[in-house]
Amino acid sequence: MRRLISGCLLALALVASSHAQTPLFLDVQPSLPGGSPPPTVNAYYDVEIDFDALRHAPEELEIALPDGEMFIAEQTQFLYRAGYLSREEWDPPGTPPIYPHPGLPNDQFSYRWVGGNSQYDVALTVIEGRLTGLITGTKRYGIQRLASGEYRMADVRLAGFAGCAVGEEQKRGRLDSPRSEPLITVSMVREVIHQPLDQSQRGTSHIRTDLLVPWTEQARIDAGGAPGDPNDTTALYDLI
């Protein structure tokens, strides 16, 4: 009987903890004055993030903004990458399909947490323990990691971004002109393979990025390719 009661209490505790709201920030403080912020930022804040809780894919995040506003963001998507294990047949009942590798340091986890509510959208991307985040709603906040390893949140001032003058022709584009070819076909998509960096170029500052660039036949010709020869893409590659 004692074992049964203990098991029931444990089950209740697990259910309660699974729905508990997890604070994103352990601390939020105004950054020390170091000159005026740029026109695109109202103010900077030093923030401390609860990475231990975040890597467990919380269903809800409690987010306290610097102006005193607090809201609950419900998870809509969690994309796990490095640091996670899949449930095996012998795992205890109730084990989630994907769970963090026990004892693994936070700097070995990579994942993406997305959520929000009716007023705010939240996107947090963690790559090997380094977080970049965006909170968008009635206000906008960006979270970035500094070279020191600490985190800073910017209260973004949208009015500080320079405007962009667009003419009527640019607004309409070229959709009013006749087209003799489709926008994109499979034959127009080509793969460019870059040779790996040699040992002298390797380092933590190099990150491989895959880039897909579709083009039209007319774009290839405009770049300097020979008409009628879809394989003449040297000038187009140089432009890209």
Protein backbone atom coordinates (compact mmCIF):
# COMPACT_ATOMS: atom_id res chain seq x y z
CA MET A 1 0.00 0.00 0.00
CA ARG A 2 2.82 2.40 0.88
CA ARG A 3 4.45 1.69 -2.50
CA LEU A 4 1.13 2.32 -4.28
CA ILE A 5 0.64 5.66 -2.51
CA SER A 6 4.22 6.67 -3.29
CA GLY A 7 3.67 5.77 -6.93
CA CYS A 8 0.47 7.85 -7.06
CA LEU A 9 2.18 10.83 -5.46
CA LEU A 10 5.05 10.56 -7.94
CA ALA A 11 2.62 10.40 -10.85
CA LEU A 12 0.78 13.48 -9.58
CA ALA A 13 4.08 15.32 -9.18
CA LEU A 14 5.09 14.45 -12.74
CA VAL A 15 1.75 15.65 -14.12
CA ALA A 16 1.95 18.88 -12.14
CA SER A 17 5.54 19.54 -13.22
CA SER A 18 4.75 18.86 -16.88
CA HIS A 19 2.24 21.73 -16.87
CA ALA A 20 4.25 24.09 -14.69
CA GLN A 21 5.15 27.42 -16.22
CA THR A 22 8.88 27.79 -16.69
CA PRO A 23 10.49 31.26 -16.41
CA LEU A 24 12.67 32.05 -19.42
CA PHE A 25 14.70 34.66 -17.54
CA LEU A 26 16.27 34.08 -14.15
CA ASP A 27 17.16 37.78 -13.99
CA VAL A 28 16.66 40.95 -16.07
CA GLN A 29 18.64 44.10 -15.28
CA PRO A 30 19.27 47.35 -17.19
CA SER A 31 22.69 47.30 -18.86
CA LEU A 32 25.27 49.61 -17.36
CA PRO A 33 25.62 52.87 -19.31
CA GLY A 34 28.28 52.57 -21.99
CA GLY A 35 27.27 55.30 -24.38
CA SER A 36 23.99 55.97 -26.11
CA PRO A 37 22.25 53.02 -27.83
CA PRO A 38 21.91 53.13 -31.61
CA PRO A 39 18.79 54.69 -33.18
CA THR A 40 17.26 51.22 -33.58
CA VAL A 41 17.36 50.39 -29.85
CA ASN A 42 15.46 52.02 -27.00
CA ALA A 43 17.50 50.31 -24.28
CA TYR A 44 19.65 47.26 -23.51
CA TYR A 45 19.13 44.77 -20.67
CA ASP A 46 21.37 42.10 -19.20
CA VAL A 47 19.45 38.82 -18.95
CA GLU A 48 20.16 35.44 -17.39
CA ILE A 49 18.50 32.51 -19.17
CA ASP A 50 17.41 29.23 -17.57
CA PHE A 51 19.06 26.83 -20.03
CA ASP A 52 18.54 23.83 -17.73
CA ALA A 53 14.78 24.24 -17.95
CA LEU A 54 14.69 25.36 -21.58
CA ARG A 55 16.35 22.22 -22.94
CA HIS A 56 13.48 20.13 -21.47
CA ALA A 57 11.11 21.67 -24.05
CA PRO A 58 8.72 23.32 -21.55
CA GLU A 59 5.12 23.49 -22.70
CA GLU A 60 4.82 27.03 -21.35
CA LEU A 61 7.34 29.81 -20.82
CA GLU A 62 6.75 32.64 -18.40
CA ILE A 63 8.40 35.73 -19.86
CA ALA A 64 8.86 38.88 -17.78
CA LEU A 65 9.57 41.96 -19.91
CA PRO A 66 11.70 44.84 -18.62
CA ASP A 67 8.71 47.21 -18.36
CA GLY A 68 7.08 44.92 -15.81
CA GLU A 69 4.73 43.17 -18.25
CA MET A 70 4.60 39.39 -17.93
CA PHE A 71 3.01 36.90 -20.32
CA ILE A 72 2.78 33.16 -20.85
CA ALA A 73 3.99 31.76 -24.18
CA GLU A 74 2.61 28.33 -25.08
CA GLN A 75 4.89 26.03 -27.06
CA THR A 76 3.78 25.40 -30.65
CA GLN A 77 6.95 23.75 -31.94
CA PHE A 78 10.11 22.21 -30.52
CA LEU A 79 12.77 21.09 -32.99
CA TYR A 80 15.45 19.03 -31.28
CA ARG A 81 18.90 18.50 -32.72
CA ALA A 82 22.07 17.57 -30.81
CA GLY A 83 21.95 16.31 -27.22
CA TYR A 84 18.64 14.40 -27.25
CA LEU A 85 17.72 10.73 -26.99
CA SER A 86 14.78 8.82 -28.48
CA ARG A 87 12.61 6.68 -26.23
CA GLU A 88 13.46 2.98 -26.24
CA GLU A 89 11.16 0.04 -25.57
CA TRP A 90 12.62 -0.54 -22.10
CA ASP A 91 12.20 3.05 -20.91
CA PRO A 92 9.68 3.54 -18.07
CA PRO A 93 6.05 4.28 -19.04
CA GLY A 94 5.42 7.97 -19.49
CA THR A 95 8.92 8.68 -20.81
CA PRO A 96 8.61 11.38 -23.49
CA PRO A 97 9.47 10.38 -27.09
CA ILE A 98 12.50 12.69 -27.02
CA TYR A 99 14.34 13.69 -23.85
CA PRO A 100 17.66 15.36 -22.98
CA HIS A 101 20.71 13.15 -22.59
CA PRO A 102 21.24 12.91 -18.80
CA GLY A 103 24.22 14.83 -17.46
CA LEU A 104 25.13 16.42 -20.80
CA PRO A 105 26.32 20.06 -20.43
CA ASN A 106 24.11 22.79 -21.90
CA ASP A 107 26.81 23.79 -24.39
CA GLN A 108 26.28 20.46 -26.20
CA PHE A 109 22.57 20.96 -26.90
CA SER A 110 21.01 22.39 -30.06
CA TYR A 111 17.27 22.99 -30.47
CA ARG A 112 14.59 25.51 -31.42
CA TRP A 113 11.65 26.54 -29.21
CA VAL A 114 8.72 28.37 -30.83
CA GLY A 115 5.55 29.57 -29.14
CA GLY A 116 3.51 32.54 -28.07
CA ASN A 117 0.01 33.74 -27.29
CA SER A 118 -2.53 36.11 -28.83
CA GLN A 119 -0.23 39.11 -28.25
CA TYR A 120 3.35 37.84 -28.60
CA ASP A 121 5.35 35.41 -30.75
CA VAL A 122 8.55 33.90 -29.34
CA ALA A 123 11.33 32.12 -31.25
CA LEU A 124 14.44 30.84 -29.46
CA THR A 125 17.22 29.08 -31.36
CA VAL A 126 20.04 27.36 -29.47
CA ILE A 127 23.10 26.05 -31.29
CA GLU A 128 25.60 24.23 -29.06
CA GLY A 129 24.37 26.17 -26.05
CA ARG A 130 24.42 29.61 -27.72
CA LEU A 131 21.00 31.25 -27.88
CA THR A 132 19.52 33.81 -30.24
CA GLY A 133 15.95 34.92 -29.63
CA LEU A 134 13.18 37.20 -30.83
CA ILE A 135 10.07 38.30 -28.95
CA THR A 136 7.59 40.07 -31.22
CA GLY A 137 4.27 41.69 -30.37
CA THR A 138 3.18 45.11 -29.20
CA LYS A 139 6.90 45.50 -28.53
CA ARG A 140 9.91 43.74 -30.02
CA TYR A 141 12.92 42.37 -28.17
CA GLY A 142 16.01 40.68 -29.54
CA ILE A 143 18.26 38.43 -27.44
CA GLN A 144 21.91 37.88 -28.32
CA ARG A 145 25.00 36.33 -26.76
CA LEU A 146 27.94 38.64 -26.13
CA ALA A 147 31.59 37.71 -26.58
CA SER A 148 31.85 37.44 -22.78
CA GLY A 149 29.28 34.63 -22.80
CA GLU A 150 26.64 36.76 -21.11
CA TYR A 151 23.33 37.63 -22.74
CA ARG A 152 21.87 40.97 -23.68
CA MET A 153 18.31 41.83 -24.70
CA ALA A 154 17.58 44.85 -26.87
CA ASP A 155 14.31 46.75 -26.75
CA VAL A 156 14.03 47.29 -30.51
CA ARG A 157 12.91 50.72 -31.74
CA LEU A 158 11.37 50.09 -35.16
CA ALA A 159 11.04 53.80 -35.90
CA GLY A 160 14.84 54.04 -35.82
CA PHE A 161 15.28 51.98 -38.98
CA ALA A 162 15.85 53.93 -42.16
CA GLY A 163 12.97 54.02 -44.60
CA CYS A 164 13.17 52.66 -48.13
CA ALA A 165 11.80 54.64 -51.06
CA VAL A 166 10.10 52.37 -53.60
CA GLY A 167 8.96 53.66 -56.98
CA GLU A 168 5.72 52.68 -58.64
CA GLU A 169 7.52 50.52 -61.19
CA GLN A 170 9.26 48.59 -58.41
CA LYS A 171 5.96 48.11 -56.60
CA ARG A 172 4.35 46.62 -59.70
CA GLY A 173 7.44 44.62 -60.61
CA ARG A 174 7.39 43.04 -64.04
CA LEU A 175 4.19 41.04 -63.66
CA ASP A 176 2.47 43.32 -66.19
CA SER A 177 4.97 42.32 -68.91
CA PRO A 178 4.46 39.15 -70.96
CA ARG A 179 6.51 36.06 -70.05
CA SER A 180 7.60 33.42 -72.49
CA GLU A 181 9.01 31.02 -69.87
CA PRO A 182 7.91 29.75 -66.43
CA LEU A 183 9.35 31.39 -63.32
CA ILE A 184 11.25 28.28 -62.16
CA THR A 185 11.68 24.79 -63.56
CA VAL A 186 13.55 21.83 -62.15
CA SER A 187 16.21 22.11 -64.85
CA MET A 188 17.03 25.62 -63.65
CA VAL A 189 17.94 24.45 -60.14
CA ARG A 190 21.59 23.48 -59.96
CA GLU A 191 23.75 22.45 -57.06
CA VAL A 192 27.04 24.21 -56.41
CA ILE A 193 29.48 22.08 -54.42
CA HIS A 194 32.11 24.06 -52.55
CA GLN A 195 35.36 22.31 -51.73
CA PRO A 196 35.87 21.86 -47.96
CA LEU A 197 38.24 24.25 -46.25
CA ASP A 198 41.78 22.99 -46.01
CA GLN A 199 43.30 22.47 -42.58
CA SER A 200 44.92 25.92 -42.51
CA GLN A 201 41.51 27.56 -42.99
CA ARG A 202 39.63 25.56 -40.40
CA GLY A 203 38.61 27.23 -37.17
CA THR A 204 35.70 28.19 -34.99
CA SER A 205 35.01 31.27 -37.11
CA HIS A 206 34.08 29.18 -40.17
CA ILE A 207 30.50 27.94 -40.45
CA ARG A 208 29.26 26.03 -43.50
CA THR A 209 26.07 27.43 -45.01
CA ASP A 210 24.11 25.68 -47.76
CA LEU A 211 22.61 28.13 -50.26
CA LEU A 212 19.96 27.40 -52.88
CA VAL A 213 19.69 29.97 -55.68
CA PRO A 214 16.93 29.44 -58.30
CA TRP A 215 17.09 31.42 -61.54
CA THR A 216 15.18 31.85 -64.75
CA GLU A 217 16.55 31.25 -68.23
CA GLN A 218 16.36 34.98 -68.93
CA ALA A 219 18.35 35.72 -65.77
CA ARG A 220 21.08 33.35 -66.97
CA ILE A 221 21.22 35.16 -70.33
CA ASP A 222 21.16 38.60 -68.71
CA ALA A 223 24.16 37.59 -66.58
CA GLY A 224 26.15 36.84 -69.76
CA GLY A 225 25.21 33.27 -70.64
CA ALA A 226 24.81 32.15 -74.23
CA PRO A 227 21.17 32.01 -75.41
CA GLY A 228 19.98 28.46 -76.03
CA ASP A 229 22.75 26.86 -73.90
CA PRO A 230 21.35 26.26 -70.38
CA ASN A 231 24.71 24.82 -69.30
CA ASP A 232 26.52 28.12 -69.88
CA THR A 233 26.27 29.30 -66.26
CA THR A 234 29.81 30.55 -65.56
CA ALA A 235 28.83 34.22 -65.65
CA LEU A 236 25.75 33.51 -63.52
CA TYR A 237 27.85 31.67 -60.90
CA ASP A 238 30.22 34.64 -60.79
CA LEU A 239 27.27 36.97 -60.21
CA ILE A 240 25.88 34.78 -57.45
